[in-house]
Amino acid sequence: MTFLRNFWKDEQGQDLIEYTLLMAFVALASAALFLGAGGSINKIWQISNGQLANAATAAS
């Protein structure tokens, strides 16, 4: 019984779990941000490509 009581009160390793959860949250938030930004960057490239194509056509 004292083993279980000591095991329950032991806080060793608690910091590791907290940091692991924090890093997992940061990784998920970063992934969501990159996926959201990917669509915006794709639109910018499409607009730029269209404008360059129009300029090349008008120049020739």
C-alpha atoms as a PDB file:
ATOM      1  CA  MET A   1       0.000   0.000   0.000  1.00  0.00           C
ATOM      2  CA  THR A   2       2.841   2.412   0.747  1.00  0.00           C
ATOM      3  CA  PHE A   3       4.265   1.700  -2.709  1.00  0.00           C
ATOM      4  CA  LEU A   4       1.036   2.876  -4.330  1.00  0.00           C
ATOM      5  CA  ARG A   5       0.865   5.929  -2.080  1.00  0.00           C
ATOM      6  CA  ASN A   6       4.460   6.874  -2.892  1.00  0.00           C
ATOM      7  CA  PHE A   7       3.853   6.226  -6.576  1.00  0.00           C
ATOM      8  CA  TRP A   8       0.794   8.486  -6.550  1.00  0.00           C
ATOM      9  CA  LYS A   9       2.642  11.323  -4.791  1.00  0.00           C
ATOM     10  CA  ASP A  10       5.737  11.054  -6.966  1.00  0.00           C
ATOM     11  CA  GLU A  11       5.841  14.001  -9.382  1.00  0.00           C
ATOM     12  CA  GLN A  12       8.963  12.948 -11.220  1.00  0.00           C
ATOM     13  CA  GLY A  13       8.450  13.069 -14.971  1.00  0.00           C
ATOM     14  CA  GLN A  14       5.547  15.491 -14.757  1.00  0.00           C
ATOM     15  CA  ASP A  15       7.511  18.244 -16.482  1.00  0.00           C
ATOM     16  CA  LEU A  16       8.358  15.949 -19.371  1.00  0.00           C
ATOM     17  CA  ILE A  17       4.684  15.226 -20.009  1.00  0.00           C
ATOM     18  CA  GLU A  18       3.778  18.910 -19.815  1.00  0.00           C
ATOM     19  CA  TYR A  19       6.512  19.911 -22.260  1.00  0.00           C
ATOM     20  CA  THR A  20       5.527  17.090 -24.601  1.00  0.00           C
ATOM     21  CA  LEU A  21       1.916  18.232 -24.625  1.00  0.00           C
ATOM     22  CA  LEU A  22       3.003  21.828 -25.184  1.00  0.00           C
ATOM     23  CA  MET A  23       5.207  20.850 -28.127  1.00  0.00           C
ATOM     24  CA  ALA A  24       2.390  18.764 -29.618  1.00  0.00           C
ATOM     25  CA  PHE A  25       0.063  21.770 -29.391  1.00  0.00           C
ATOM     26  CA  VAL A  26       2.644  24.028 -31.042  1.00  0.00           C
ATOM     27  CA  ALA A  27       3.169  21.477 -33.826  1.00  0.00           C
ATOM     28  CA  LEU A  28      -0.573  21.208 -34.512  1.00  0.00           C
ATOM     29  CA  ALA A  29      -1.023  24.981 -34.468  1.00  0.00           C
ATOM     30  CA  SER A  30       1.917  25.403 -36.858  1.00  0.00           C
ATOM     31  CA  ALA A  31       0.544  22.783 -39.220  1.00  0.00           C
ATOM     32  CA  ALA A  32      -2.846  24.507 -39.270  1.00  0.00           C
ATOM     33  CA  LEU A  33      -1.184  27.857 -39.928  1.00  0.00           C
ATOM     34  CA  PHE A  34       0.918  26.496 -42.791  1.00  0.00           C
ATOM     35  CA  LEU A  35      -2.082  24.812 -44.397  1.00  0.00           C
ATOM     36  CA  GLY A  36      -4.067  28.045 -44.185  1.00  0.00           C
ATOM     37  CA  ALA A  37      -1.218  30.136 -45.558  1.00  0.00           C
ATOM     38  CA  GLY A  38      -0.626  27.674 -48.407  1.00  0.00           C
ATOM     39  CA  GLY A  39      -3.882  28.636 -50.105  1.00  0.00           C
ATOM     40  CA  SER A  40      -3.069  32.342 -49.887  1.00  0.00           C
ATOM     41  CA  ILE A  41       0.411  31.859 -51.303  1.00  0.00           C
ATOM     42  CA  ASN A  42      -1.014  29.771 -54.136  1.00  0.00           C
ATOM     43  CA  LYS A  43      -3.421  32.588 -55.027  1.00  0.00           C
ATOM     44  CA  ILE A  44      -0.588  35.130 -55.032  1.00  0.00           C
ATOM     45  CA  TRP A  45       1.445  32.939 -57.416  1.00  0.00           C
ATOM     46  CA  GLN A  46      -1.549  32.487 -59.728  1.00  0.00           C
ATOM     47  CA  ILE A  47      -2.206  36.240 -59.883  1.00  0.00           C
ATOM     48  CA  SER A  48       1.470  37.004 -60.488  1.00  0.00           C
ATOM     49  CA  ASN A  49       1.691  34.341 -63.180  1.00  0.00           C
ATOM     50  CA  GLY A  50      -1.391  35.742 -64.912  1.00  0.00           C
ATOM     51  CA  GLN A  51      -0.044  39.289 -64.847  1.00  0.00           C
ATOM     52  CA  LEU A  52       3.334  38.199 -66.208  1.00  0.00           C
ATOM     53  CA  ALA A  53       1.662  36.207 -68.962  1.00  0.00           C
ATOM     54  CA  ASN A  54      -0.450  39.240 -69.922  1.00  0.00           C
ATOM     55  CA  ALA A  55       2.617  41.482 -69.905  1.00  0.00           C
ATOM     56  CA  ALA A  56       4.549  39.039 -72.083  1.00  0.00           C
ATOM     57  CA  THR A  57       1.655  38.860 -74.537  1.00  0.00           C
ATOM     58  CA  ALA A  58       1.312  42.650 -74.673  1.00  0.00           C
ATOM     59  CA  ALA A  59       5.054  43.105 -75.172  1.00  0.00           C
ATOM     60  CA  SER A  60       5.257  40.787 -78.160  1.00  0.00           C
END
